[in-house]
Amino acid sequence: MDWDGDDLVGEVEVLSTPSGNILKELFKSGIKLGISSRGLGSVKEKGDVNEVQDDFELIAFDFVSNPSTHGAFLRPMNEGVGSTKNDPISNINRIITEILTER
């Protein structure tokens, strides 16, 4: 994970467990998957918002249908994900990568 301005971005590795396989199939089928964080800590009121304090402990990220943060949806970043399968640009990138990495 890393910050890109105010956005937290990162990579996800989905394991081949029963739950992971379900998640992969949902994504391949075009189901829009959201991501929400789960954690513990205190908050302090600052005007109209609650500010998370330094004692916050991140427990996990969960895949959800309706994330609590606007726009927090999983987007494919490589050719290994099913939803880019028929995308011409992804196919071109995949072919170029395969040609360049052939030995």
N, C-alpha and C. Protein backbone atom coordinates (compact mmCIF):
# COMPACT_ATOMS: atom_id res chain seq x y z
N MET A 1 0.85 -1.18 0.00
CA MET A 1 0.00 0.00 0.00
C MET A 1 0.89 1.24 0.00
N ASP A 2 0.35 2.30 -0.60
CA ASP A 2 1.06 3.56 -0.63
C ASP A 2 0.03 4.67 -0.85
N TRP A 3 0.42 5.88 -0.55
CA TRP A 3 -0.47 7.01 -0.75
C TRP A 3 -0.20 7.63 -2.12
N ASP A 4 -1.27 7.97 -2.83
CA ASP A 4 -1.22 8.72 -4.08
C ASP A 4 -2.07 9.95 -3.84
N GLY A 5 -1.44 11.01 -3.32
CA GLY A 5 -2.20 12.17 -2.87
C GLY A 5 -3.02 11.79 -1.66
N ASP A 6 -4.32 11.97 -1.73
CA ASP A 6 -5.22 11.60 -0.63
C ASP A 6 -5.75 10.18 -0.77
N ASP A 7 -5.36 9.48 -1.84
CA ASP A 7 -5.86 8.13 -2.10
C ASP A 7 -4.86 7.08 -1.63
N LEU A 8 -5.37 6.06 -0.98
CA LEU A 8 -4.57 4.90 -0.60
C LEU A 8 -4.69 3.88 -1.73
N VAL A 9 -3.56 3.50 -2.31
CA VAL A 9 -3.56 2.54 -3.41
C VAL A 9 -2.69 1.36 -3.03
N GLY A 10 -2.94 0.22 -3.64
CA GLY A 10 -2.13 -0.94 -3.34
C GLY A 10 -2.50 -2.12 -4.21
N GLU A 11 -1.80 -3.20 -4.01
CA GLU A 11 -2.04 -4.43 -4.74
C GLU A 11 -2.72 -5.44 -3.82
N VAL A 12 -3.50 -6.31 -4.44
CA VAL A 12 -4.21 -7.35 -3.71
C VAL A 12 -3.80 -8.69 -4.29
N GLU A 13 -3.45 -9.61 -3.43
CA GLU A 13 -3.21 -10.99 -3.86
C GLU A 13 -4.36 -11.83 -3.31
N VAL A 14 -5.08 -12.47 -4.22
CA VAL A 14 -6.21 -13.31 -3.82
C VAL A 14 -5.73 -14.75 -3.83
N LEU A 15 -5.80 -15.39 -2.70
CA LEU A 15 -5.33 -16.77 -2.57
C LEU A 15 -6.34 -17.76 -3.14
N SER A 16 -5.87 -18.94 -3.49
CA SER A 16 -6.74 -19.98 -4.05
C SER A 16 -7.40 -20.80 -2.94
N THR A 17 -8.05 -20.09 -2.05
CA THR A 17 -8.85 -20.73 -1.00
C THR A 17 -10.29 -20.75 -1.50
N PRO A 18 -11.19 -21.48 -0.84
CA PRO A 18 -12.59 -21.44 -1.29
C PRO A 18 -13.15 -20.00 -1.38
N SER A 19 -12.90 -19.18 -0.38
CA SER A 19 -13.39 -17.80 -0.42
C SER A 19 -12.69 -16.99 -1.50
N GLY A 20 -11.38 -17.20 -1.64
CA GLY A 20 -10.63 -16.50 -2.68
C GLY A 20 -11.10 -16.86 -4.06
N ASN A 21 -11.41 -18.12 -4.28
CA ASN A 21 -11.91 -18.55 -5.60
C ASN A 21 -13.27 -17.93 -5.91
N ILE A 22 -14.11 -17.80 -4.90
CA ILE A 22 -15.41 -17.14 -5.09
C ILE A 22 -15.17 -15.68 -5.48
N LEU A 23 -14.27 -15.01 -4.78
CA LEU A 23 -13.96 -13.62 -5.07
C LEU A 23 -13.44 -13.46 -6.50
N LYS A 24 -12.53 -14.34 -6.93
CA LYS A 24 -12.00 -14.29 -8.30
C LYS A 24 -13.12 -14.45 -9.32
N GLU A 25 -14.02 -15.39 -9.10
CA GLU A 25 -15.11 -15.64 -10.05
C GLU A 25 -16.08 -14.46 -10.09
N LEU A 26 -16.36 -13.85 -8.96
CA LEU A 26 -17.22 -12.66 -8.95
C LEU A 26 -16.60 -11.56 -9.80
N PHE A 27 -15.31 -11.34 -9.63
CA PHE A 27 -14.61 -10.30 -10.38
C PHE A 27 -14.58 -10.63 -11.87
N LYS A 28 -14.26 -11.88 -12.20
CA LYS A 28 -14.24 -12.29 -13.61
C LYS A 28 -15.61 -12.13 -14.26
N SER A 29 -16.67 -12.27 -13.49
CA SER A 29 -18.04 -12.16 -14.02
C SER A 29 -18.49 -10.71 -14.14
N GLY A 30 -17.62 -9.79 -13.79
CA GLY A 30 -17.95 -8.37 -13.94
C GLY A 30 -18.66 -7.76 -12.76
N ILE A 31 -18.72 -8.47 -11.64
CA ILE A 31 -19.35 -7.91 -10.44
C ILE A 31 -18.43 -6.83 -9.88
N LYS A 32 -19.00 -5.66 -9.60
CA LYS A 32 -18.23 -4.54 -9.07
C LYS A 32 -17.96 -4.80 -7.58
N LEU A 33 -16.68 -4.91 -7.22
CA LEU A 33 -16.30 -5.23 -5.84
C LEU A 33 -15.71 -4.00 -5.15
N GLY A 34 -16.26 -3.68 -4.00
CA GLY A 34 -15.74 -2.58 -3.20
C GLY A 34 -14.78 -3.08 -2.15
N ILE A 35 -13.99 -2.14 -1.61
CA ILE A 35 -13.02 -2.48 -0.56
C ILE A 35 -13.27 -1.54 0.62
N SER A 36 -13.38 -2.12 1.81
CA SER A 36 -13.54 -1.33 3.02
C SER A 36 -12.51 -1.77 4.05
N SER A 37 -12.05 -0.82 4.83
CA SER A 37 -11.09 -1.14 5.89
C SER A 37 -11.84 -1.42 7.19
N ARG A 38 -11.21 -2.21 8.02
CA ARG A 38 -11.77 -2.53 9.34
C ARG A 38 -10.65 -2.28 10.35
N GLY A 39 -10.96 -1.58 11.42
CA GLY A 39 -9.94 -1.29 12.42
C GLY A 39 -10.53 -0.80 13.73
N LEU A 40 -9.64 -0.55 14.68
CA LEU A 40 -10.01 -0.08 16.01
C LEU A 40 -9.23 1.17 16.36
N GLY A 41 -9.85 2.04 17.10
CA GLY A 41 -9.15 3.24 17.56
C GLY A 41 -10.14 4.31 17.96
N SER A 42 -9.60 5.41 18.43
CA SER A 42 -10.46 6.50 18.88
C SER A 42 -10.58 7.57 17.79
N VAL A 43 -11.64 8.38 17.93
CA VAL A 43 -11.86 9.49 17.02
C VAL A 43 -12.06 10.77 17.85
N LYS A 44 -11.81 11.90 17.20
CA LYS A 44 -11.98 13.19 17.86
C LYS A 44 -12.81 14.08 16.92
N GLU A 45 -13.85 14.70 17.47
CA GLU A 45 -14.69 15.59 16.64
C GLU A 45 -13.90 16.83 16.27
N LYS A 46 -13.89 17.12 14.96
CA LYS A 46 -13.28 18.35 14.44
C LYS A 46 -14.28 18.97 13.47
N GLY A 47 -15.07 19.88 13.99
CA GLY A 47 -16.11 20.49 13.17
C GLY A 47 -17.17 19.47 12.82
N ASP A 48 -17.37 19.26 11.52
CA ASP A 48 -18.40 18.34 11.05
C ASP A 48 -17.90 16.92 10.83
N VAL A 49 -16.63 16.66 11.13
CA VAL A 49 -16.06 15.33 10.87
C VAL A 49 -15.47 14.72 12.13
N ASN A 50 -15.34 13.41 12.12
CA ASN A 50 -14.64 12.69 13.17
C ASN A 50 -13.25 12.33 12.63
N GLU A 51 -12.21 12.79 13.31
CA GLU A 51 -10.84 12.53 12.88
C GLU A 51 -10.28 11.32 13.62
N VAL A 52 -9.78 10.36 12.86
CA VAL A 52 -9.18 9.15 13.43
C VAL A 52 -7.87 9.55 14.12
N GLN A 53 -7.66 9.04 15.33
CA GLN A 53 -6.49 9.40 16.11
C GLN A 53 -5.33 8.41 15.90
N ASP A 54 -4.17 8.74 16.46
CA ASP A 54 -2.94 7.95 16.27
C ASP A 54 -3.02 6.53 16.83
N ASP A 55 -4.00 6.24 17.68
CA ASP A 55 -4.10 4.88 18.23
C ASP A 55 -4.83 3.92 17.31
N PHE A 56 -5.16 4.36 16.08
CA PHE A 56 -5.88 3.50 15.15
C PHE A 56 -5.03 2.29 14.77
N GLU A 57 -5.67 1.11 14.78
CA GLU A 57 -5.01 -0.14 14.38
C GLU A 57 -5.83 -0.78 13.27
N LEU A 58 -5.20 -0.88 12.08
CA LEU A 58 -5.86 -1.51 10.94
C LEU A 58 -5.90 -3.01 11.18
N ILE A 59 -7.08 -3.60 11.05
CA ILE A 59 -7.23 -5.04 11.25
C ILE A 59 -7.26 -5.77 9.92
N ALA A 60 -8.03 -5.25 8.95
CA ALA A 60 -8.14 -5.96 7.67
C ALA A 60 -8.81 -5.06 6.65
N PHE A 61 -8.70 -5.49 5.39
CA PHE A 61 -9.50 -4.93 4.31
C PHE A 61 -10.50 -6.01 3.91
N ASP A 62 -11.72 -5.62 3.68
CA ASP A 62 -12.78 -6.56 3.30
C ASP A 62 -13.31 -6.17 1.93
N PHE A 63 -13.66 -7.17 1.12
CA PHE A 63 -14.32 -6.92 -0.15
C PHE A 63 -15.82 -6.88 0.13
N VAL A 64 -16.46 -5.82 -0.38
CA VAL A 64 -17.87 -5.58 -0.08
C VAL A 64 -18.59 -5.12 -1.35
N SER A 65 -19.92 -5.15 -1.32
CA SER A 65 -20.69 -4.66 -2.46
C SER A 65 -20.88 -3.15 -2.41
N ASN A 66 -20.85 -2.58 -1.20
CA ASN A 66 -21.09 -1.16 -1.03
C ASN A 66 -20.08 -0.58 -0.04
N PRO A 67 -18.92 -0.12 -0.53
CA PRO A 67 -17.88 0.37 0.39
C PRO A 67 -18.29 1.66 1.10
N SER A 68 -17.76 1.84 2.29
CA SER A 68 -18.08 3.04 3.07
C SER A 68 -17.40 4.28 2.51
N THR A 69 -16.30 4.11 1.78
CA THR A 69 -15.61 5.23 1.17
C THR A 69 -16.03 5.34 -0.29
N HIS A 70 -16.48 6.51 -0.69
CA HIS A 70 -16.94 6.72 -2.06
C HIS A 70 -15.84 6.36 -3.07
N GLY A 71 -16.18 5.52 -4.04
CA GLY A 71 -15.25 5.18 -5.11
C GLY A 71 -14.23 4.11 -4.79
N ALA A 72 -14.33 3.47 -3.63
CA ALA A 72 -13.34 2.45 -3.23
C ALA A 72 -13.69 1.10 -3.85
N PHE A 73 -13.47 1.01 -5.16
CA PHE A 73 -13.78 -0.22 -5.88
C PHE A 73 -12.51 -0.79 -6.49
N LEU A 74 -12.46 -2.11 -6.57
CA LEU A 74 -11.34 -2.83 -7.14
C LEU A 74 -11.30 -2.58 -8.64
N ARG A 75 -10.11 -2.23 -9.15
CA ARG A 75 -9.91 -2.04 -10.58
C ARG A 75 -8.74 -2.91 -11.03
N PRO A 76 -8.88 -3.58 -12.18
CA PRO A 76 -7.79 -4.44 -12.66
C PRO A 76 -6.56 -3.62 -13.04
N MET A 77 -5.39 -4.16 -12.73
CA MET A 77 -4.14 -3.49 -13.06
C MET A 77 -3.23 -4.35 -13.91
N ASN A 78 -3.63 -5.60 -14.25
CA ASN A 78 -2.80 -6.44 -15.11
C ASN A 78 -3.68 -7.36 -15.93
N GLU A 79 -3.04 -8.06 -16.88
CA GLU A 79 -3.80 -8.90 -17.79
C GLU A 79 -4.30 -10.19 -17.16
N GLY A 80 -3.94 -10.47 -15.91
CA GLY A 80 -4.33 -11.71 -15.27
C GLY A 80 -5.75 -11.70 -14.74
N VAL A 81 -6.43 -10.57 -14.81
CA VAL A 81 -7.78 -10.50 -14.28
C VAL A 81 -8.79 -10.63 -15.39
N GLY A 82 -9.85 -11.36 -15.13
CA GLY A 82 -10.81 -11.71 -16.16
C GLY A 82 -11.52 -10.55 -16.83
N SER A 83 -11.79 -9.45 -16.13
CA SER A 83 -12.60 -8.41 -16.74
C SER A 83 -11.88 -7.67 -17.85
N THR A 84 -10.56 -7.80 -17.98
CA THR A 84 -9.83 -7.12 -19.04
C THR A 84 -9.63 -8.04 -20.23
N LYS A 85 -10.16 -9.25 -20.17
CA LYS A 85 -9.93 -10.28 -21.18
C LYS A 85 -10.27 -9.81 -22.58
N ASN A 86 -11.37 -9.10 -22.77
CA ASN A 86 -11.78 -8.67 -24.09
C ASN A 86 -11.42 -7.22 -24.39
N ASP A 87 -10.65 -6.60 -23.55
CA ASP A 87 -10.23 -5.23 -23.75
C ASP A 87 -9.05 -5.19 -24.71
N PRO A 88 -9.17 -4.54 -25.89
CA PRO A 88 -8.09 -4.56 -26.89
C PRO A 88 -6.76 -4.04 -26.36
N ILE A 89 -6.78 -2.97 -25.56
CA ILE A 89 -5.53 -2.42 -25.03
C ILE A 89 -4.85 -3.42 -24.11
N SER A 90 -5.61 -4.07 -23.25
CA SER A 90 -5.04 -5.08 -22.36
C SER A 90 -4.47 -6.24 -23.15
N ASN A 91 -5.18 -6.65 -24.21
CA ASN A 91 -4.67 -7.74 -25.04
C ASN A 91 -3.36 -7.35 -25.73
N ILE A 92 -3.28 -6.12 -26.24
CA ILE A 92 -2.05 -5.64 -26.86
C ILE A 92 -0.92 -5.64 -25.84
N ASN A 93 -1.17 -5.11 -24.66
CA ASN A 93 -0.14 -5.08 -23.61
C ASN A 93 0.31 -6.49 -23.25
N ARG A 94 -0.64 -7.41 -23.17
CA ARG A 94 -0.30 -8.80 -22.84
C ARG A 94 0.58 -9.41 -23.92
N ILE A 95 0.23 -9.20 -25.19
CA ILE A 95 1.00 -9.76 -26.30
C ILE A 95 2.41 -9.18 -26.33
N ILE A 96 2.53 -7.86 -26.17
CA ILE A 96 3.85 -7.23 -26.16
C ILE A 96 4.68 -7.77 -25.01
N THR A 97 4.08 -7.91 -23.83
CA THR A 97 4.80 -8.45 -22.68
C THR A 97 5.28 -9.87 -22.95
N GLU A 98 4.41 -10.69 -23.55
CA GLU A 98 4.80 -12.06 -23.86
C GLU A 98 5.95 -12.12 -24.86
N ILE A 99 5.91 -11.24 -25.87
CA ILE A 99 6.98 -11.22 -26.87
C ILE A 99 8.30 -10.78 -26.23
N LEU A 100 8.24 -9.74 -25.41
CA LEU A 100 9.46 -9.22 -24.80
C LEU A 100 10.06 -10.15 -23.77
N THR A 101 9.25 -11.01 -23.16
CA THR A 101 9.76 -11.89 -22.11
C THR A 101 10.05 -13.29 -22.61
N GLU A 102 9.80 -13.56 -23.93
CA GLU A 102 10.14 -14.88 -24.47
C GLU A 102 11.65 -15.06 -24.47
N ARG A 103 12.08 -16.28 -24.20
CA ARG A 103 13.53 -16.54 -24.19
C ARG A 103 13.83 -17.66 -25.11
